[in-house]
Amino acid sequence: MSVQPFCLRCDSVLPLEITGNAVVCKLCKLSHSYVDLMNKEIYYRVVFNSRTDEKEDQDDENKEAIGPMTDRKCPQCGNDGMSYTTRQLRGADEGQTVFYLCPVCKYQDNENS
């Protein structure tokens, strides 16, 4: 079998084990004819999002902060809250780097703790 078939009753993936001329679903125990499964054609299509959908998503991101917020004041616009993320960029025995982002003006700052 070149494509993994699915059970017609419970939609689970059928095993590749063939018992005689049949494949038995391990979940619901329904027996499927091996010949019937081999003669099935499977069609699929890939749908990509349009660029307008991406722009709408970006507009949504601008309206709200991504990630946790802290009381840090933005040095550029004076906003009282900035979102932050942390990453371990240096050695394991050194502190982590904290990246700050202002949700209003998108000013970025970092601090090595």
PDB file of N, CA and C in Angstrom:
ATOM      1  N   MET A   1       0.847  -1.176   0.000  1.00  0.00           N
ATOM      2  CA  MET A   1       0.000   0.000   0.000  1.00  0.00           C
ATOM      3  C   MET A   1       0.889   1.235   0.000  1.00  0.00           C
ATOM      4  N   SER A   2       0.604   2.154  -0.885  1.00  0.00           N
ATOM      5  CA  SER A   2       1.413   3.362  -0.960  1.00  0.00           C
ATOM      6  C   SER A   2       0.861   4.473  -0.075  1.00  0.00           C
ATOM      7  N   VAL A   3      -0.436   4.432   0.212  1.00  0.00           N
ATOM      8  CA  VAL A   3      -1.074   5.434   1.052  1.00  0.00           C
ATOM      9  C   VAL A   3      -1.725   4.728   2.230  1.00  0.00           C
ATOM     10  N   GLN A   4      -1.554   5.288   3.429  1.00  0.00           N
ATOM     11  CA  GLN A   4      -2.145   4.694   4.619  1.00  0.00           C
ATOM     12  C   GLN A   4      -3.661   4.905   4.584  1.00  0.00           C
ATOM     13  N   PRO A   5      -4.466   3.846   4.511  1.00  0.00           N
ATOM     14  CA  PRO A   5      -5.927   4.006   4.434  1.00  0.00           C
ATOM     15  C   PRO A   5      -6.547   4.253   5.808  1.00  0.00           C
ATOM     16  N   PHE A   6      -7.798   4.710   5.787  1.00  0.00           N
ATOM     17  CA  PHE A   6      -8.547   4.993   7.010  1.00  0.00           C
ATOM     18  C   PHE A   6      -9.750   4.075   7.099  1.00  0.00           C
ATOM     19  N   CYS A   7     -10.154   3.751   8.306  1.00  0.00           N
ATOM     20  CA  CYS A   7     -11.311   2.909   8.548  1.00  0.00           C
ATOM     21  C   CYS A   7     -12.580   3.639   8.122  1.00  0.00           C
ATOM     22  N   LEU A   8     -13.486   2.928   7.473  1.00  0.00           N
ATOM     23  CA  LEU A   8     -14.729   3.528   6.995  1.00  0.00           C
ATOM     24  C   LEU A   8     -15.722   3.783   8.126  1.00  0.00           C
ATOM     25  N   ARG A   9     -15.569   3.115   9.252  1.00  0.00           N
ATOM     26  CA  ARG A   9     -16.501   3.289  10.368  1.00  0.00           C
ATOM     27  C   ARG A   9     -16.014   4.333  11.360  1.00  0.00           C
ATOM     28  N   CYS A  10     -14.769   4.216  11.822  1.00  0.00           N
ATOM     29  CA  CYS A  10     -14.295   5.092  12.904  1.00  0.00           C
ATOM     30  C   CYS A  10     -13.239   6.104  12.454  1.00  0.00           C
ATOM     31  N   ASP A  11     -12.840   6.079  11.191  1.00  0.00           N
ATOM     32  CA  ASP A  11     -11.865   7.016  10.610  1.00  0.00           C
ATOM     33  C   ASP A  11     -10.465   6.918  11.204  1.00  0.00           C
ATOM     34  N   SER A  12     -10.163   5.842  11.926  1.00  0.00           N
ATOM     35  CA  SER A  12      -8.805   5.690  12.435  1.00  0.00           C
ATOM     36  C   SER A  12      -7.912   5.134  11.325  1.00  0.00           C
ATOM     37  N   VAL A  13      -6.616   5.314  11.489  1.00  0.00           N
ATOM     38  CA  VAL A  13      -5.660   4.820  10.492  1.00  0.00           C
ATOM     39  C   VAL A  13      -5.604   3.302  10.582  1.00  0.00           C
ATOM     40  N   LEU A  14      -5.729   2.647   9.434  1.00  0.00           N
ATOM     41  CA  LEU A  14      -5.683   1.184   9.409  1.00  0.00           C
ATOM     42  C   LEU A  14      -4.240   0.702   9.468  1.00  0.00           C
ATOM     43  N   PRO A  15      -3.994  -0.412  10.132  1.00  0.00           N
ATOM     44  CA  PRO A  15      -2.631  -0.939  10.211  1.00  0.00           C
ATOM     45  C   PRO A  15      -2.202  -1.521   8.867  1.00  0.00           C
ATOM     46  N   LEU A  16      -0.911  -1.655   8.690  1.00  0.00           N
ATOM     47  CA  LEU A  16      -0.393  -2.225   7.448  1.00  0.00           C
ATOM     48  C   LEU A  16      -0.384  -3.742   7.476  1.00  0.00           C
ATOM     49  N   GLU A  17      -0.843  -4.346   8.560  1.00  0.00           N
ATOM     50  CA  GLU A  17      -0.898  -5.795   8.682  1.00  0.00           C
ATOM     51  C   GLU A  17      -2.091  -6.332   7.892  1.00  0.00           C
ATOM     52  N   ILE A  18      -1.853  -7.277   7.024  1.00  0.00           N
ATOM     53  CA  ILE A  18      -2.925  -7.858   6.222  1.00  0.00           C
ATOM     54  C   ILE A  18      -3.180  -9.274   6.726  1.00  0.00           C
ATOM     55  N   THR A  19      -4.430  -9.558   7.072  1.00  0.00           N
ATOM     56  CA  THR A  19      -4.841 -10.883   7.528  1.00  0.00           C
ATOM     57  C   THR A  19      -5.635 -11.518   6.399  1.00  0.00           C
ATOM     58  N   GLY A  20      -5.028 -12.427   5.657  1.00  0.00           N
ATOM     59  CA  GLY A  20      -5.703 -13.006   4.489  1.00  0.00           C
ATOM     60  C   GLY A  20      -5.851 -11.950   3.415  1.00  0.00           C
ATOM     61  N   ASN A  21      -7.076 -11.689   3.002  1.00  0.00           N
ATOM     62  CA  ASN A  21      -7.347 -10.655   2.005  1.00  0.00           C
ATOM     63  C   ASN A  21      -7.987  -9.424   2.628  1.00  0.00           C
ATOM     64  N   ALA A  22      -7.815  -9.237   3.930  1.00  0.00           N
ATOM     65  CA  ALA A  22      -8.488  -8.141   4.611  1.00  0.00           C
ATOM     66  C   ALA A  22      -7.539  -7.424   5.564  1.00  0.00           C
ATOM     67  N   VAL A  23      -7.890  -6.186   5.839  1.00  0.00           N
ATOM     68  CA  VAL A  23      -7.202  -5.383   6.841  1.00  0.00           C
ATOM     69  C   VAL A  23      -8.232  -5.112   7.929  1.00  0.00           C
ATOM     70  N   VAL A  24      -7.890  -5.423   9.184  1.00  0.00           N
ATOM     71  CA  VAL A  24      -8.825  -5.276  10.289  1.00  0.00           C
ATOM     72  C   VAL A  24      -8.441  -4.043  11.103  1.00  0.00           C
ATOM     73  N   CYS A  25      -9.431  -3.186  11.336  1.00  0.00           N
ATOM     74  CA  CYS A  25      -9.225  -1.982  12.147  1.00  0.00           C
ATOM     75  C   CYS A  25      -8.976  -2.402  13.593  1.00  0.00           C
ATOM     76  N   LYS A  26      -7.913  -1.865  14.189  1.00  0.00           N
ATOM     77  CA  LYS A  26      -7.585  -2.230  15.572  1.00  0.00           C
ATOM     78  C   LYS A  26      -8.525  -1.580  16.576  1.00  0.00           C
ATOM     79  N   LEU A  27      -9.195  -0.493  16.195  1.00  0.00           N
ATOM     80  CA  LEU A  27     -10.074   0.207  17.121  1.00  0.00           C
ATOM     81  C   LEU A  27     -11.484  -0.379  17.145  1.00  0.00           C
ATOM     82  N   CYS A  28     -12.119  -0.481  15.970  1.00  0.00           N
ATOM     83  CA  CYS A  28     -13.515  -0.938  15.947  1.00  0.00           C
ATOM     84  C   CYS A  28     -13.674  -2.354  15.396  1.00  0.00           C
ATOM     85  N   LYS A  29     -12.566  -2.991  15.003  1.00  0.00           N
ATOM     86  CA  LYS A  29     -12.537  -4.391  14.538  1.00  0.00           C
ATOM     87  C   LYS A  29     -13.282  -4.617  13.216  1.00  0.00           C
ATOM     88  N   LEU A  30     -13.570  -3.558  12.454  1.00  0.00           N
ATOM     89  CA  LEU A  30     -14.216  -3.714  11.153  1.00  0.00           C
ATOM     90  C   LEU A  30     -13.198  -4.251  10.160  1.00  0.00           C
ATOM     91  N   SER A  31     -13.600  -5.229   9.359  1.00  0.00           N
ATOM     92  CA  SER A  31     -12.726  -5.840   8.367  1.00  0.00           C
ATOM     93  C   SER A  31     -12.923  -5.150   7.018  1.00  0.00           C
ATOM     94  N   HIS A  32     -11.813  -4.733   6.405  1.00  0.00           N
ATOM     95  CA  HIS A  32     -11.836  -4.048   5.106  1.00  0.00           C
ATOM     96  C   HIS A  32     -11.140  -4.932   4.084  1.00  0.00           C
ATOM     97  N   SER A  33     -11.726  -5.079   2.935  1.00  0.00           N
ATOM     98  CA  SER A  33     -11.123  -5.856   1.865  1.00  0.00           C
ATOM     99  C   SER A  33      -9.871  -5.153   1.362  1.00  0.00           C
ATOM    100  N   TYR A  34      -8.789  -5.875   1.275  1.00  0.00           N
ATOM    101  CA  TYR A  34      -7.526  -5.316   0.810  1.00  0.00           C
ATOM    102  C   TYR A  34      -7.665  -4.818  -0.625  1.00  0.00           C
ATOM    103  N   VAL A  35      -8.365  -5.543  -1.453  1.00  0.00           N
ATOM    104  CA  VAL A  35      -8.550  -5.164  -2.863  1.00  0.00           C
ATOM    105  C   VAL A  35      -9.325  -3.850  -2.956  1.00  0.00           C
ATOM    106  N   ASP A  36     -10.369  -3.701  -2.129  1.00  0.00           N
ATOM    107  CA  ASP A  36     -11.151  -2.461  -2.148  1.00  0.00           C
ATOM    108  C   ASP A  36     -10.309  -1.258  -1.740  1.00  0.00           C
ATOM    109  N   LEU A  37      -9.441  -1.456  -0.770  1.00  0.00           N
ATOM    110  CA  LEU A  37      -8.599  -0.356  -0.317  1.00  0.00           C
ATOM    111  C   LEU A  37      -7.581   0.049  -1.380  1.00  0.00           C
ATOM    112  N   MET A  38      -7.064  -0.907  -2.103  1.00  0.00           N
ATOM    113  CA  MET A  38      -6.063  -0.617  -3.128  1.00  0.00           C
ATOM    114  C   MET A  38      -6.669   0.099  -4.334  1.00  0.00           C
ATOM    115  N   ASN A  39      -7.963  -0.061  -4.583  1.00  0.00           N
ATOM    116  CA  ASN A  39      -8.598   0.553  -5.751  1.00  0.00           C
ATOM    117  C   ASN A  39      -9.143   1.952  -5.444  1.00  0.00           C
ATOM    118  N   LYS A  40      -8.970   2.433  -4.249  1.00  0.00           N
ATOM    119  CA  LYS A  40      -9.464   3.764  -3.892  1.00  0.00           C
ATOM    120  C   LYS A  40      -8.455   4.816  -4.331  1.00  0.00           C
ATOM    121  N   GLU A  41      -8.979   5.925  -4.853  1.00  0.00           N
ATOM    122  CA  GLU A  41      -8.134   7.062  -5.184  1.00  0.00           C
ATOM    123  C   GLU A  41      -8.317   8.110  -4.109  1.00  0.00           C
ATOM    124  N   ILE A  42      -7.211   8.713  -3.713  1.00  0.00           N
ATOM    125  CA  ILE A  42      -7.254   9.732  -2.676  1.00  0.00           C
ATOM    126  C   ILE A  42      -6.893  11.062  -3.314  1.00  0.00           C
ATOM    127  N   TYR A  43      -7.737  12.054  -3.089  1.00  0.00           N
ATOM    128  CA  TYR A  43      -7.516  13.389  -3.613  1.00  0.00           C
ATOM    129  C   TYR A  43      -7.308  14.347  -2.453  1.00  0.00           C
ATOM    130  N   TYR A  44      -6.475  15.328  -2.679  1.00  0.00           N
ATOM    131  CA  TYR A  44      -6.298  16.370  -1.682  1.00  0.00           C
ATOM    132  C   TYR A  44      -5.909  17.650  -2.394  1.00  0.00           C
ATOM    133  N   ARG A  45      -6.072  18.748  -1.693  1.00  0.00           N
ATOM    134  CA  ARG A  45      -5.661  20.023  -2.243  1.00  0.00           C
ATOM    135  C   ARG A  45      -5.074  20.864  -1.131  1.00  0.00           C
ATOM    136  N   VAL A  46      -4.205  21.764  -1.507  1.00  0.00           N
ATOM    137  CA  VAL A  46      -3.557  22.651  -0.559  1.00  0.00           C
ATOM    138  C   VAL A  46      -4.112  24.047  -0.797  1.00  0.00           C
ATOM    139  N   VAL A  47      -4.600  24.674   0.270  1.00  0.00           N
ATOM    140  CA  VAL A  47      -5.161  26.013   0.165  1.00  0.00           C
ATOM    141  C   VAL A  47      -4.267  26.959   0.946  1.00  0.00           C
ATOM    142  N   PHE A  48      -3.758  27.953   0.270  1.00  0.00           N
ATOM    143  CA  PHE A  48      -2.902  28.946   0.915  1.00  0.00           C
ATOM    144  C   PHE A  48      -3.726  30.167   1.278  1.00  0.00           C
ATOM    145  N   ASN A  49      -3.384  30.809   2.380  1.00  0.00           N
ATOM    146  CA  ASN A  49      -4.050  32.043   2.767  1.00  0.00           C
ATOM    147  C   ASN A  49      -3.651  33.157   1.813  1.00  0.00           C
ATOM    148  N   SER A  50      -4.552  34.063   1.565  1.00  0.00           N
ATOM    149  CA  SER A  50      -4.234  35.191   0.690  1.00  0.00           C
ATOM    150  C   SER A  50      -3.450  36.231   1.476  1.00  0.00           C
ATOM    151  N   ARG A  51      -2.800  37.124   0.779  1.00  0.00           N
ATOM    152  CA  ARG A  51      -2.011  38.162   1.439  1.00  0.00           C
ATOM    153  C   ARG A  51      -2.895  39.115   2.235  1.00  0.00           C
ATOM    154  N   THR A  52      -4.140  39.284   1.846  1.00  0.00           N
ATOM    155  CA  THR A  52      -5.032  40.167   2.608  1.00  0.00           C
ATOM    156  C   THR A  52      -5.282  39.586   3.992  1.00  0.00           C
ATOM    157  N   ASP A  53      -5.346  38.241   4.111  1.00  0.00           N
ATOM    158  CA  ASP A  53      -5.519  37.615   5.420  1.00  0.00           C
ATOM    159  C   ASP A  53      -4.328  37.899   6.313  1.00  0.00           C
ATOM    160  N   GLU A  54      -3.116  37.891   5.737  1.00  0.00           N
ATOM    161  CA  GLU A  54      -1.916  38.173   6.518  1.00  0.00           C
ATOM    162  C   GLU A  54      -1.938  39.597   7.053  1.00  0.00           C
ATOM    163  N   LYS A  55      -2.381  40.540   6.224  1.00  0.00           N
ATOM    164  CA  LYS A  55      -2.423  41.936   6.658  1.00  0.00           C
ATOM    165  C   LYS A  55      -3.421  42.117   7.792  1.00  0.00           C
ATOM    166  N   GLU A  56      -4.552  41.440   7.716  1.00  0.00           N
ATOM    167  CA  GLU A  56      -5.538  41.532   8.790  1.00  0.00           C
ATOM    168  C   GLU A  56      -4.971  40.964  10.074  1.00  0.00           C
ATOM    169  N   ASP A  57      -4.210  39.862   9.984  1.00  0.00           N
ATOM    170  CA  ASP A  57      -3.590  39.277  11.171  1.00  0.00           C
ATOM    171  C   ASP A  57      -2.572  40.232  11.777  1.00  0.00           C
ATOM    172  N   GLN A  58      -1.804  40.923  10.921  1.00  0.00           N
ATOM    173  CA  GLN A  58      -0.819  41.869  11.425  1.00  0.00           C
ATOM    174  C   GLN A  58      -1.491  43.039  12.114  1.00  0.00           C
ATOM    175  N   ASP A  59      -2.635  43.493  11.588  1.00  0.00           N
ATOM    176  CA  ASP A  59      -3.361  44.576  12.236  1.00  0.00           C
ATOM    177  C   ASP A  59      -3.829  44.156  13.616  1.00  0.00           C
ATOM    178  N   ASP A  60      -4.265  42.899  13.766  1.00  0.00           N
ATOM    179  CA  ASP A  60      -4.690  42.392  15.064  1.00  0.00           C
ATOM    180  C   ASP A  60      -3.530  42.364  16.045  1.00  0.00           C
ATOM    181  N   GLU A  61      -2.332  42.033  15.546  1.00  0.00           N
ATOM    182  CA  GLU A  61      -1.163  41.986  16.415  1.00  0.00           C
ATOM    183  C   GLU A  61      -0.810  43.369  16.928  1.00  0.00           C
ATOM    184  N   ASN A  62      -1.022  44.396  16.113  1.00  0.00           N
ATOM    185  CA  ASN A  62      -0.693  45.748  16.525  1.00  0.00           C
ATOM    186  C   ASN A  62      -1.606  46.230  17.643  1.00  0.00           C
ATOM    187  N   LYS A  63      -2.800  45.697  17.754  1.00  0.00           N
ATOM    188  CA  LYS A  63      -3.771  46.165  18.726  1.00  0.00           C
ATOM    189  C   LYS A  63      -3.515  45.634  20.127  1.00  0.00           C
ATOM    190  N   GLU A  64      -2.856  44.484  20.247  1.00  0.00           N
ATOM    191  CA  GLU A  64      -2.643  43.924  21.575  1.00  0.00           C
ATOM    192  C   GLU A  64      -1.227  43.384  21.710  1.00  0.00           C
ATOM    193  N   ALA A  65      -0.736  43.368  22.921  1.00  0.00           N
ATOM    194  CA  ALA A  65       0.617  42.903  23.190  1.00  0.00           C
ATOM    195  C   ALA A  65       0.700  41.393  23.043  1.00  0.00           C
ATOM    196  N   ILE A  66       1.851  40.950  22.630  1.00  0.00           N
ATOM    197  CA  ILE A  66       2.089  39.521  22.510  1.00  0.00           C
ATOM    198  C   ILE A  66       2.982  39.116  23.675  1.00  0.00           C
ATOM    199  N   GLY A  67       2.519  38.174  24.464  1.00  0.00           N
ATOM    200  CA  GLY A  67       3.308  37.689  25.580  1.00  0.00           C
ATOM    201  C   GLY A  67       2.975  38.407  26.873  1.00  0.00           C
ATOM    202  N   PRO A  68       3.710  38.075  27.941  1.00  0.00           N
ATOM    203  CA  PRO A  68       3.442  38.679  29.247  1.00  0.00           C
ATOM    204  C   PRO A  68       3.854  40.158  29.262  1.00  0.00           C
ATOM    205  N   MET A  69       3.217  40.907  30.149  1.00  0.00           N
ATOM    206  CA  MET A  69       3.491  42.342  30.269  1.00  0.00           C
ATOM    207  C   MET A  69       4.238  42.626  31.569  1.00  0.00           C
ATOM    208  N   THR A  70       5.027  43.695  31.551  1.00  0.00           N
ATOM    209  CA  THR A  70       5.736  44.150  32.730  1.00  0.00           C
ATOM    210  C   THR A  70       5.481  45.644  32.916  1.00  0.00           C
ATOM    211  N   ASP A  71       5.815  46.181  34.079  1.00  0.00           N
ATOM    212  CA  ASP A  71       5.577  47.590  34.380  1.00  0.00           C
ATOM    213  C   ASP A  71       6.645  48.511  33.796  1.00  0.00           C
ATOM    214  N   ARG A  72       7.544  48.017  33.031  1.00  0.00           N
ATOM    215  CA  ARG A  72       8.633  48.809  32.457  1.00  0.00           C
ATOM    216  C   ARG A  72       8.062  49.905  31.554  1.00  0.00           C
ATOM    217  N   LYS A  73       8.562  51.127  31.710  1.00  0.00           N
ATOM    218  CA  LYS A  73       8.095  52.267  30.920  1.00  0.00           C
ATOM    219  C   LYS A  73       8.879  52.351  29.613  1.00  0.00           C
ATOM    220  N   CYS A  74       8.167  52.548  28.519  1.00  0.00           N
ATOM    221  CA  CYS A  74       8.811  52.648  27.206  1.00  0.00           C
ATOM    222  C   CYS A  74       9.585  53.961  27.123  1.00  0.00           C
ATOM    223  N   PRO A  75      10.896  53.915  26.835  1.00  0.00           N
ATOM    224  CA  PRO A  75      11.683  55.149  26.771  1.00  0.00           C
ATOM    225  C   PRO A  75      11.339  56.009  25.550  1.00  0.00           C
ATOM    226  N   GLN A  76      10.706  55.439  24.541  1.00  0.00           N
ATOM    227  CA  GLN A  76      10.418  56.191  23.324  1.00  0.00           C
ATOM    228  C   GLN A  76       9.075  56.920  23.391  1.00  0.00           C
ATOM    229  N   CYS A  77       7.999  56.219  23.788  1.00  0.00           N
ATOM    230  CA  CYS A  77       6.667  56.852  23.778  1.00  0.00           C
ATOM    231  C   CYS A  77       6.098  57.080  25.178  1.00  0.00           C
ATOM    232  N   GLY A  78       6.719  56.520  26.211  1.00  0.00           N
ATOM    233  CA  GLY A  78       6.256  56.733  27.575  1.00  0.00           C
ATOM    234  C   GLY A  78       5.144  55.799  28.020  1.00  0.00           C
ATOM    235  N   ASN A  79       4.799  54.793  27.227  1.00  0.00           N
ATOM    236  CA  ASN A  79       3.769  53.830  27.603  1.00  0.00           C
ATOM    237  C   ASN A  79       4.202  53.100  28.879  1.00  0.00           C
ATOM    238  N   ASP A  80       3.245  52.838  29.783  1.00  0.00           N
ATOM    239  CA  ASP A  80       3.584  52.258  31.088  1.00  0.00           C
ATOM    240  C   ASP A  80       3.766  50.739  31.082  1.00  0.00           C
ATOM    241  N   GLY A  81       3.559  50.060  29.972  1.00  0.00           N
ATOM    242  CA  GLY A  81       3.716  48.609  29.943  1.00  0.00           C
ATOM    243  C   GLY A  81       4.448  48.142  28.697  1.00  0.00           C
ATOM    244  N   MET A  82       5.298  47.142  28.861  1.00  0.00           N
ATOM    245  CA  MET A  82       6.001  46.534  27.728  1.00  0.00           C
ATOM    246  C   MET A  82       5.884  45.015  27.856  1.00  0.00           C
ATOM    247  N   SER A  83       5.745  44.335  26.722  1.00  0.00           N
ATOM    248  CA  SER A  83       5.752  42.871  26.753  1.00  0.00           C
ATOM    249  C   SER A  83       7.206  42.410  26.717  1.00  0.00           C
ATOM    250  N   TYR A  84       7.436  41.183  27.175  1.00  0.00           N
ATOM    251  CA  TYR A  84       8.806  40.697  27.218  1.00  0.00           C
ATOM    252  C   TYR A  84       8.884  39.206  26.918  1.00  0.00           C
ATOM    253  N   THR A  85      10.047  38.793  26.448  1.00  0.00           N
ATOM    254  CA  THR A  85      10.396  37.378  26.293  1.00  0.00           C
ATOM    255  C   THR A  85      11.818  37.210  26.792  1.00  0.00           C
ATOM    256  N   THR A  86      12.160  35.997  27.189  1.00  0.00           N
ATOM    257  CA  THR A  86      13.519  35.734  27.665  1.00  0.00           C
ATOM    258  C   THR A  86      14.150  34.634  26.831  1.00  0.00           C
ATOM    259  N   ARG A  87      15.449  34.737  26.622  1.00  0.00           N
ATOM    260  CA  ARG A  87      16.215  33.733  25.882  1.00  0.00           C
ATOM    261  C   ARG A  87      17.568  33.549  26.549  1.00  0.00           C
ATOM    262  N   GLN A  88      18.068  32.329  26.494  1.00  0.00           N
ATOM    263  CA  GLN A  88      19.394  32.017  27.020  1.00  0.00           C
ATOM    264  C   GLN A  88      20.367  32.093  25.847  1.00  0.00           C
ATOM    265  N   LEU A  89      21.005  33.252  25.663  1.00  0.00           N
ATOM    266  CA  LEU A  89      21.907  33.453  24.533  1.00  0.00           C
ATOM    267  C   LEU A  89      23.361  33.212  24.900  1.00  0.00           C
ATOM    268  N   ARG A  90      23.710  33.417  26.155  1.00  0.00           N
ATOM    269  CA  ARG A  90      25.085  33.246  26.599  1.00  0.00           C
ATOM    270  C   ARG A  90      25.240  31.890  27.268  1.00  0.00           C
ATOM    271  N   GLY A  91      26.299  31.675  27.950  1.00  0.00           N
ATOM    272  CA  GLY A  91      26.570  30.390  28.596  1.00  0.00           C
ATOM    273  C   GLY A  91      25.533  30.044  29.646  1.00  0.00           C
ATOM    274  N   ALA A  92      25.449  28.768  29.971  1.00  0.00           N
ATOM    275  CA  ALA A  92      24.461  28.293  30.932  1.00  0.00           C
ATOM    276  C   ALA A  92      24.715  28.834  32.336  1.00  0.00           C
ATOM    277  N   ASP A  93      25.955  29.208  32.621  1.00  0.00           N
ATOM    278  CA  ASP A  93      26.266  29.728  33.952  1.00  0.00           C
ATOM    279  C   ASP A  93      26.057  31.240  34.039  1.00  0.00           C
ATOM    280  N   GLU A  94      25.615  31.870  32.974  1.00  0.00           N
ATOM    281  CA  GLU A  94      25.341  33.307  32.959  1.00  0.00           C
ATOM    282  C   GLU A  94      23.837  33.541  32.874  1.00  0.00           C
ATOM    283  N   GLY A  95      23.412  34.746  33.160  1.00  0.00           N
ATOM    284  CA  GLY A  95      21.991  35.084  33.150  1.00  0.00           C
ATOM    285  C   GLY A  95      21.403  35.086  31.741  1.00  0.00           C
ATOM    286  N   GLN A  96      20.082  35.155  31.683  1.00  0.00           N
ATOM    287  CA  GLN A  96      19.413  35.158  30.393  1.00  0.00           C
ATOM    288  C   GLN A  96      19.212  36.580  29.892  1.00  0.00           C
ATOM    289  N   THR A  97      18.935  36.729  28.606  1.00  0.00           N
ATOM    290  CA  THR A  97      18.674  38.018  27.994  1.00  0.00           C
ATOM    291  C   THR A  97      17.169  38.240  27.950  1.00  0.00           C
ATOM    292  N   VAL A  98      16.717  39.409  28.377  1.00  0.00           N
ATOM    293  CA  VAL A  98      15.299  39.755  28.367  1.00  0.00           C
ATOM    294  C   VAL A  98      15.069  40.743  27.222  1.00  0.00           C
ATOM    295  N   PHE A  99      14.132  40.415  26.322  1.00  0.00           N
ATOM    296  CA  PHE A  99      13.780  41.281  25.206  1.00  0.00           C
ATOM    297  C   PHE A  99      12.450  41.945  25.507  1.00  0.00           C
ATOM    298  N   TYR A 100      12.407  43.269  25.410  1.00  0.00           N
ATOM    299  CA  TYR A 100      11.193  44.036  25.681  1.00  0.00           C
ATOM    300  C   TYR A 100      10.638  44.595  24.368  1.00  0.00           C
ATOM    301  N   LEU A 101       9.302  44.701  24.277  1.00  0.00           N
ATOM    302  CA  LEU A 101       8.643  45.259  23.104  1.00  0.00           C
ATOM    303  C   LEU A 101       7.478  46.124  23.565  1.00  0.00           C
ATOM    304  N   CYS A 102       7.449  47.347  23.092  1.00  0.00           N
ATOM    305  CA  CYS A 102       6.338  48.246  23.414  1.00  0.00           C
ATOM    306  C   CYS A 102       5.179  47.930  22.481  1.00  0.00           C
ATOM    307  N   PRO A 103       3.984  47.628  23.007  1.00  0.00           N
ATOM    308  CA  PRO A 103       2.850  47.303  22.150  1.00  0.00           C
ATOM    309  C   PRO A 103       2.285  48.513  21.409  1.00  0.00           C
ATOM    310  N   VAL A 104       2.638  49.716  21.836  1.00  0.00           N
ATOM    311  CA  VAL A 104       2.102  50.923  21.207  1.00  0.00           C
ATOM    312  C   VAL A 104       2.970  51.363  20.032  1.00  0.00           C
ATOM    313  N   CYS A 105       4.269  51.591  20.291  1.00  0.00           N
ATOM    314  CA  CYS A 105       5.147  52.130  19.239  1.00  0.00           C
ATOM    315  C   CYS A 105       6.101  51.100  18.648  1.00  0.00           C
ATOM    316  N   LYS A 106       6.077  49.867  19.163  1.00  0.00           N
ATOM    317  CA  LYS A 106       6.916  48.762  18.694  1.00  0.00           C
ATOM    318  C   LYS A 106       8.409  48.985  18.962  1.00  0.00           C
ATOM    319  N   TYR A 107       8.738  49.849  19.908  1.00  0.00           N
ATOM    320  CA  TYR A 107      10.129  50.037  20.312  1.00  0.00           C
ATOM    321  C   TYR A 107      10.647  48.766  20.956  1.00  0.00           C
ATOM    322  N   GLN A 108      11.868  48.358  20.608  1.00  0.00           N
ATOM    323  CA  GLN A 108      12.462  47.133  21.161  1.00  0.00           C
ATOM    324  C   GLN A 108      13.676  47.468  21.985  1.00  0.00           C
ATOM    325  N   ASP A 109      13.824  46.768  23.083  1.00  0.00           N
ATOM    326  CA  ASP A 109      14.953  46.977  23.988  1.00  0.00           C
ATOM    327  C   ASP A 109      15.346  45.614  24.548  1.00  0.00           C
ATOM    328  N   ASN A 110      16.581  45.489  25.033  1.00  0.00           N
ATOM    329  CA  ASN A 110      16.967  44.233  25.679  1.00  0.00           C
ATOM    330  C   ASN A 110      17.822  44.515  26.903  1.00  0.00           C
ATOM    331  N   GLU A 111      17.889  43.534  27.763  1.00  0.00           N
ATOM    332  CA  GLU A 111      18.632  43.676  29.013  1.00  0.00           C
ATOM    333  C   GLU A 111      19.275  42.327  29.346  1.00  0.00           C
ATOM    334  N   ASN A 112      20.565  42.348  29.637  1.00  0.00           N
ATOM    335  CA  ASN A 112      21.266  41.136  30.054  1.00  0.00           C
ATOM    336  C   ASN A 112      21.192  41.045  31.571  1.00  0.00           C
ATOM    337  N   SER A 113      20.470  40.054  32.063  1.00  0.00           N
ATOM    338  CA  SER A 113      20.308  39.922  33.521  1.00  0.00           C
ATOM    339  C   SER A 113      21.296  38.936  34.088  1.00  0.00           C
TER     340      SER A 113
END
